[in-house]
């Protein structure tokens, strides 16, 4: 029997992949979303969590970056 799932292929660096794996393992988005861990830089994830996942990644990037002030 063939099992078909709609998903999105994600390419990312290793640290971002570890962050995504952590979100998946801890059910931070309310459920597991990684369908398949393909290799060191690719994940196949459920397509219905893309918007929420992008929000979480943006929040993370906001937390670890600092604003650059223009010097006038």
PDB file of N, CA and C in Angstrom:
ATOM      1  N   UNK A   1       0.841  -1.176   0.000  1.00  0.00           N
ATOM      2  CA  UNK A   1       0.000   0.000   0.000  1.00  0.00           C
ATOM      3  C   UNK A   1       0.890   1.244   0.000  1.00  0.00           C
ATOM      4  N   UNK A   2       0.508   2.226  -0.770  1.00  0.00           N
ATOM      5  CA  UNK A   2       1.243   3.479  -0.864  1.00  0.00           C
ATOM      6  C   UNK A   2       0.647   4.482   0.112  1.00  0.00           C
ATOM      7  N   UNK A   3       1.520   5.159   0.847  1.00  0.00           N
ATOM      8  CA  UNK A   3       1.091   6.169   1.803  1.00  0.00           C
ATOM      9  C   UNK A   3       1.607   7.512   1.309  1.00  0.00           C
ATOM     10  N   UNK A   4       0.706   8.438   0.975  1.00  0.00           N
ATOM     11  CA  UNK A   4       1.084   9.730   0.415  1.00  0.00           C
ATOM     12  C   UNK A   4       0.833  10.815   1.455  1.00  0.00           C
ATOM     13  N   UNK A   5       1.841  11.678   1.636  1.00  0.00           N
ATOM     14  CA  UNK A   5       1.701  12.809   2.558  1.00  0.00           C
ATOM     15  C   UNK A   5       2.152  14.073   1.839  1.00  0.00           C
ATOM     16  N   UNK A   6       1.410  15.136   2.020  1.00  0.00           N
ATOM     17  CA  UNK A   6       1.763  16.418   1.429  1.00  0.00           C
ATOM     18  C   UNK A   6       2.781  17.099   2.333  1.00  0.00           C
ATOM     19  N   UNK A   7       3.896  17.543   1.748  1.00  0.00           N
ATOM     20  CA  UNK A   7       4.935  18.163   2.555  1.00  0.00           C
ATOM     21  C   UNK A   7       5.785  19.124   1.755  1.00  0.00           C
ATOM     22  N   UNK A   8       6.770  19.669   2.433  1.00  0.00           N
ATOM     23  CA  UNK A   8       7.675  20.655   1.854  1.00  0.00           C
ATOM     24  C   UNK A   8       9.109  20.224   2.153  1.00  0.00           C
ATOM     25  N   UNK A   9       9.964  20.314   1.148  1.00  0.00           N
ATOM     26  CA  UNK A   9      11.377  20.026   1.327  1.00  0.00           C
ATOM     27  C   UNK A   9      12.068  21.280   1.853  1.00  0.00           C
ATOM     28  N   UNK A  10      12.733  21.153   2.985  1.00  0.00           N
ATOM     29  CA  UNK A  10      13.443  22.272   3.609  1.00  0.00           C
ATOM     30  C   UNK A  10      14.936  22.016   3.511  1.00  0.00           C
ATOM     31  N   UNK A  11      15.679  23.018   3.034  1.00  0.00           N
ATOM     32  CA  UNK A  11      17.141  22.957   3.040  1.00  0.00           C
ATOM     33  C   UNK A  11      17.631  24.010   4.027  1.00  0.00           C
ATOM     34  N   UNK A  12      18.490  23.606   4.942  1.00  0.00           N
ATOM     35  CA  UNK A  12      18.977  24.525   5.960  1.00  0.00           C
ATOM     36  C   UNK A  12      20.368  24.095   6.409  1.00  0.00           C
ATOM     37  N   UNK A  13      21.024  24.961   7.181  1.00  0.00           N
ATOM     38  CA  UNK A  13      22.324  24.579   7.728  1.00  0.00           C
ATOM     39  C   UNK A  13      22.116  23.676   8.944  1.00  0.00           C
ATOM     40  N   UNK A  14      23.186  23.096   9.430  1.00  0.00           N
ATOM     41  CA  UNK A  14      23.097  22.119  10.519  1.00  0.00           C
ATOM     42  C   UNK A  14      22.507  22.701  11.806  1.00  0.00           C
ATOM     43  N   UNK A  15      22.912  23.913  12.235  1.00  0.00           N
ATOM     44  CA  UNK A  15      22.308  24.456  13.467  1.00  0.00           C
ATOM     45  C   UNK A  15      20.793  24.675  13.344  1.00  0.00           C
ATOM     46  N   UNK A  16      20.339  25.157  12.189  1.00  0.00           N
ATOM     47  CA  UNK A  16      18.906  25.370  11.999  1.00  0.00           C
ATOM     48  C   UNK A  16      18.176  24.030  11.972  1.00  0.00           C
ATOM     49  N   UNK A  17      18.793  23.028  11.384  1.00  0.00           N
ATOM     50  CA  UNK A  17      18.178  21.707  11.367  1.00  0.00           C
ATOM     51  C   UNK A  17      18.030  21.175  12.790  1.00  0.00           C
ATOM     52  N   UNK A  18      19.039  21.389  13.625  1.00  0.00           N
ATOM     53  CA  UNK A  18      18.946  20.949  15.012  1.00  0.00           C
ATOM     54  C   UNK A  18      17.825  21.677  15.750  1.00  0.00           C
ATOM     55  N   UNK A  19      17.653  22.953  15.457  1.00  0.00           N
ATOM     56  CA  UNK A  19      16.556  23.718  16.058  1.00  0.00           C
ATOM     57  C   UNK A  19      15.206  23.140  15.628  1.00  0.00           C
ATOM     58  N   UNK A  20      15.059  22.835  14.344  1.00  0.00           N
ATOM     59  CA  UNK A  20      13.810  22.263  13.842  1.00  0.00           C
ATOM     60  C   UNK A  20      13.551  20.880  14.449  1.00  0.00           C
ATOM     61  N   UNK A  21      14.593  20.079  14.566  1.00  0.00           N
ATOM     62  CA  UNK A  21      14.449  18.767  15.198  1.00  0.00           C
ATOM     63  C   UNK A  21      14.008  18.910  16.656  1.00  0.00           C
ATOM     64  N   UNK A  22      14.567  19.903  17.342  1.00  0.00           N
ATOM     65  CA  UNK A  22      14.183  20.162  18.739  1.00  0.00           C
ATOM     66  C   UNK A  22      12.707  20.553  18.833  1.00  0.00           C
ATOM     67  N   UNK A  23      12.270  21.459  17.944  1.00  0.00           N
ATOM     68  CA  UNK A  23      10.862  21.853  17.944  1.00  0.00           C
ATOM     69  C   UNK A  23       9.961  20.646  17.706  1.00  0.00           C
ATOM     70  N   UNK A  24      10.377  19.767  16.812  1.00  0.00           N
ATOM     71  CA  UNK A  24       9.591  18.582  16.496  1.00  0.00           C
ATOM     72  C   UNK A  24       9.541  17.619  17.681  1.00  0.00           C
ATOM     73  N   UNK A  25      10.687  17.362  18.304  1.00  0.00           N
ATOM     74  CA  UNK A  25      10.769  16.394  19.403  1.00  0.00           C
ATOM     75  C   UNK A  25      10.016  16.853  20.648  1.00  0.00           C
ATOM     76  N   UNK A  26       9.981  18.159  20.880  1.00  0.00           N
ATOM     77  CA  UNK A  26       9.307  18.684  22.073  1.00  0.00           C
ATOM     78  C   UNK A  26       7.853  19.063  21.815  1.00  0.00           C
ATOM     79  N   UNK A  27       7.355  18.806  20.600  1.00  0.00           N
ATOM     80  CA  UNK A  27       5.969  19.134  20.224  1.00  0.00           C
ATOM     81  C   UNK A  27       5.638  20.596  20.485  1.00  0.00           C
ATOM     82  N   UNK A  28       6.590  21.475  20.255  1.00  0.00           N
ATOM     83  CA  UNK A  28       6.402  22.903  20.500  1.00  0.00           C
ATOM     84  C   UNK A  28       5.288  23.494  19.640  1.00  0.00           C
ATOM     85  N   UNK A  29       5.096  22.961  18.444  1.00  0.00           N
ATOM     86  CA  UNK A  29       4.054  23.465  17.556  1.00  0.00           C
ATOM     87  C   UNK A  29       2.722  22.742  17.767  1.00  0.00           C
ATOM     88  N   UNK A  30       2.652  21.919  18.793  1.00  0.00           N
ATOM     89  CA  UNK A  30       1.422  21.214  19.102  1.00  0.00           C
ATOM     90  C   UNK A  30       1.374  19.791  18.575  1.00  0.00           C
ATOM     91  N   UNK A  31       2.277  19.440  17.684  1.00  0.00           N
ATOM     92  CA  UNK A  31       2.342  18.087  17.141  1.00  0.00           C
ATOM     93  C   UNK A  31       3.660  17.896  16.406  1.00  0.00           C
ATOM     94  N   UNK A  32       3.961  16.682  16.041  1.00  0.00           N
ATOM     95  CA  UNK A  32       5.171  16.392  15.276  1.00  0.00           C
ATOM     96  C   UNK A  32       4.947  16.847  13.835  1.00  0.00           C
ATOM     97  N   UNK A  33       5.929  17.490  13.226  1.00  0.00           N
ATOM     98  CA  UNK A  33       5.756  18.008  11.872  1.00  0.00           C
ATOM     99  C   UNK A  33       6.800  17.500  10.890  1.00  0.00           C
ATOM    100  N   UNK A  34       7.892  16.902  11.363  1.00  0.00           N
ATOM    101  CA  UNK A  34       8.903  16.372  10.450  1.00  0.00           C
ATOM    102  C   UNK A  34       8.442  15.007   9.963  1.00  0.00           C
ATOM    103  N   UNK A  35       8.287  14.904   8.647  1.00  0.00           N
ATOM    104  CA  UNK A  35       7.870  13.641   8.041  1.00  0.00           C
ATOM    105  C   UNK A  35       9.081  12.733   7.855  1.00  0.00           C
ATOM    106  N   UNK A  36      10.181  13.310   7.364  1.00  0.00           N
ATOM    107  CA  UNK A  36      11.381  12.512   7.122  1.00  0.00           C
ATOM    108  C   UNK A  36      12.631  13.376   7.268  1.00  0.00           C
ATOM    109  N   UNK A  37      13.610  12.873   7.986  1.00  0.00           N
ATOM    110  CA  UNK A  37      14.932  13.485   8.091  1.00  0.00           C
ATOM    111  C   UNK A  37      15.760  12.885   6.964  1.00  0.00           C
ATOM    112  N   UNK A  38      16.065  13.681   5.937  1.00  0.00           N
ATOM    113  CA  UNK A  38      16.667  13.142   4.722  1.00  0.00           C
ATOM    114  C   UNK A  38      18.186  13.034   4.771  1.00  0.00           C
ATOM    115  N   UNK A  39      18.858  14.102   5.150  1.00  0.00           N
ATOM    116  CA  UNK A  39      20.316  14.079   5.261  1.00  0.00           C
ATOM    117  C   UNK A  39      20.749  15.225   6.163  1.00  0.00           C
ATOM    118  N   UNK A  40      22.017  15.614   6.087  1.00  0.00           N
ATOM    119  CA  UNK A  40      22.561  16.628   7.006  1.00  0.00           C
ATOM    120  C   UNK A  40      21.908  17.997   6.867  1.00  0.00           C
ATOM    121  N   UNK A  41      21.385  18.319   5.698  1.00  0.00           N
ATOM    122  CA  UNK A  41      20.851  19.666   5.484  1.00  0.00           C
ATOM    123  C   UNK A  41      19.428  19.688   4.930  1.00  0.00           C
ATOM    124  N   UNK A  42      18.749  18.557   4.866  1.00  0.00           N
ATOM    125  CA  UNK A  42      17.411  18.513   4.283  1.00  0.00           C
ATOM    126  C   UNK A  42      16.426  17.788   5.199  1.00  0.00           C
ATOM    127  N   UNK A  43      15.228  18.385   5.297  1.00  0.00           N
ATOM    128  CA  UNK A  43      14.111  17.785   6.024  1.00  0.00           C
ATOM    129  C   UNK A  43      12.876  17.846   5.142  1.00  0.00           C
ATOM    130  N   UNK A  44      12.028  16.848   5.254  1.00  0.00           N
ATOM    131  CA  UNK A  44      10.731  16.872   4.596  1.00  0.00           C
ATOM    132  C   UNK A  44       9.700  17.056   5.701  1.00  0.00           C
ATOM    133  N   UNK A  45       8.985  18.192   5.668  1.00  0.00           N
ATOM    134  CA  UNK A  45       8.074  18.520   6.765  1.00  0.00           C
ATOM    135  C   UNK A  45       6.651  18.697   6.253  1.00  0.00           C
ATOM    136  N   UNK A  46       5.714  18.593   7.160  1.00  0.00           N
ATOM    137  CA  UNK A  46       4.306  18.757   6.843  1.00  0.00           C
ATOM    138  C   UNK A  46       4.049  20.181   6.355  1.00  0.00           C
ATOM    139  N   UNK A  47       3.292  20.311   5.281  1.00  0.00           N
ATOM    140  CA  UNK A  47       3.080  21.629   4.675  1.00  0.00           C
ATOM    141  C   UNK A  47       2.144  22.520   5.478  1.00  0.00           C
ATOM    142  N   UNK A  48       1.335  21.962   6.362  1.00  0.00           N
ATOM    143  CA  UNK A  48       0.371  22.792   7.082  1.00  0.00           C
ATOM    144  C   UNK A  48       0.957  23.520   8.290  1.00  0.00           C
ATOM    145  N   UNK A  49       2.227  23.343   8.588  1.00  0.00           N
ATOM    146  CA  UNK A  49       2.848  24.063   9.707  1.00  0.00           C
ATOM    147  C   UNK A  49       3.854  25.118   9.239  1.00  0.00           C
ATOM    148  N   UNK A  50       3.941  25.340   7.946  1.00  0.00           N
ATOM    149  CA  UNK A  50       4.959  26.246   7.393  1.00  0.00           C
ATOM    150  C   UNK A  50       4.850  27.647   7.980  1.00  0.00           C
ATOM    151  N   UNK A  51       3.659  28.223   8.000  1.00  0.00           N
ATOM    152  CA  UNK A  51       3.520  29.603   8.487  1.00  0.00           C
ATOM    153  C   UNK A  51       3.901  29.722   9.956  1.00  0.00           C
ATOM    154  N   UNK A  52       3.435  28.794  10.783  1.00  0.00           N
ATOM    155  CA  UNK A  52       3.773  28.810  12.206  1.00  0.00           C
ATOM    156  C   UNK A  52       5.266  28.579  12.406  1.00  0.00           C
ATOM    157  N   UNK A  53       5.834  27.686  11.628  1.00  0.00           N
ATOM    158  CA  UNK A  53       7.261  27.399  11.724  1.00  0.00           C
ATOM    159  C   UNK A  53       8.093  28.618  11.331  1.00  0.00           C
ATOM    160  N   UNK A  54       7.686  29.318  10.284  1.00  0.00           N
ATOM    161  CA  UNK A  54       8.407  30.531   9.877  1.00  0.00           C
ATOM    162  C   UNK A  54       8.344  31.592  10.969  1.00  0.00           C
ATOM    163  N   UNK A  55       7.220  31.689  11.663  1.00  0.00           N
ATOM    164  CA  UNK A  55       7.089  32.631  12.773  1.00  0.00           C
ATOM    165  C   UNK A  55       8.054  32.281  13.895  1.00  0.00           C
ATOM    166  N   UNK A  56       8.147  30.996  14.237  1.00  0.00           N
ATOM    167  CA  UNK A  56       9.062  30.555  15.307  1.00  0.00           C
ATOM    168  C   UNK A  56      10.518  30.813  14.927  1.00  0.00           C
ATOM    169  N   UNK A  57      10.868  30.562  13.678  1.00  0.00           N
ATOM    170  CA  UNK A  57      12.242  30.796  13.229  1.00  0.00           C
ATOM    171  C   UNK A  57      12.552  32.287  13.252  1.00  0.00           C
ATOM    172  N   UNK A  58      11.603  33.117  12.807  1.00  0.00           N
ATOM    173  CA  UNK A  58      11.797  34.574  12.865  1.00  0.00           C
ATOM    174  C   UNK A  58      11.990  35.044  14.300  1.00  0.00           C
ATOM    175  N   UNK A  59      11.205  34.493  15.227  1.00  0.00           N
ATOM    176  CA  UNK A  59      11.348  34.848  16.645  1.00  0.00           C
ATOM    177  C   UNK A  59      12.738  34.475  17.160  1.00  0.00           C
ATOM    178  N   UNK A  60      13.198  33.293  16.790  1.00  0.00           N
ATOM    179  CA  UNK A  60      14.538  32.860  17.203  1.00  0.00           C
ATOM    180  C   UNK A  60      15.606  33.802  16.651  1.00  0.00           C
ATOM    181  N   UNK A  61      15.502  34.146  15.387  1.00  0.00           N
ATOM    182  CA  UNK A  61      16.496  35.038  14.787  1.00  0.00           C
ATOM    183  C   UNK A  61      16.460  36.422  15.425  1.00  0.00           C
ATOM    184  N   UNK A  62      15.271  36.885  15.801  1.00  0.00           N
ATOM    185  CA  UNK A  62      15.168  38.167  16.499  1.00  0.00           C
ATOM    186  C   UNK A  62      15.845  38.110  17.862  1.00  0.00           C
ATOM    187  N   UNK A  63      15.759  36.982  18.538  1.00  0.00           N
ATOM    188  CA  UNK A  63      16.359  36.838  19.859  1.00  0.00           C
ATOM    189  C   UNK A  63      17.881  36.780  19.815  1.00  0.00           C
ATOM    190  N   UNK A  64      18.428  36.208  18.760  1.00  0.00           N
ATOM    191  CA  UNK A  64      19.888  36.023  18.713  1.00  0.00           C
ATOM    192  C   UNK A  64      20.613  37.100  17.916  1.00  0.00           C
ATOM    193  N   UNK A  65      19.881  38.052  17.352  1.00  0.00           N
ATOM    194  CA  UNK A  65      20.532  39.125  16.620  1.00  0.00           C
ATOM    195  C   UNK A  65      20.352  40.437  17.380  1.00  0.00           C
ATOM    196  N   UNK A  66      21.172  41.392  17.058  1.00  0.00           N
ATOM    197  CA  UNK A  66      21.067  42.694  17.698  1.00  0.00           C
ATOM    198  C   UNK A  66      20.953  43.757  16.625  1.00  0.00           C
ATOM    199  N   UNK A  67      20.260  44.843  16.936  1.00  0.00           N
ATOM    200  CA  UNK A  67      20.070  45.897  15.934  1.00  0.00           C
ATOM    201  C   UNK A  67      21.361  46.664  15.682  1.00  0.00           C
ATOM    202  N   UNK A  68      21.527  47.059  14.461  1.00  0.00           N
ATOM    203  CA  UNK A  68      22.677  47.880  14.088  1.00  0.00           C
ATOM    204  C   UNK A  68      22.192  49.330  14.037  1.00  0.00           C
ATOM    205  N   UNK A  69      22.789  50.156  14.854  1.00  0.00           N
ATOM    206  CA  UNK A  69      22.412  51.572  14.879  1.00  0.00           C
ATOM    207  C   UNK A  69      23.245  52.333  13.874  1.00  0.00           C
ATOM    208  N   UNK A  70      22.569  53.203  13.115  1.00  0.00           N
ATOM    209  CA  UNK A  70      23.284  54.054  12.170  1.00  0.00           C
ATOM    210  C   UNK A  70      24.007  55.149  12.929  1.00  0.00           C
ATOM    211  N   UNK A  71      25.224  55.385  12.555  1.00  0.00           N
ATOM    212  CA  UNK A  71      25.993  56.458  13.190  1.00  0.00           C
ATOM    213  C   UNK A  71      25.925  57.684  12.315  1.00  0.00           C
ATOM    214  N   UNK A  72      25.226  58.683  12.787  1.00  0.00           N
ATOM    215  CA  UNK A  72      25.096  59.946  12.021  1.00  0.00           C
ATOM    216  C   UNK A  72      25.935  61.020  12.621  1.00  0.00           C
TER     217      UNK A  72
END
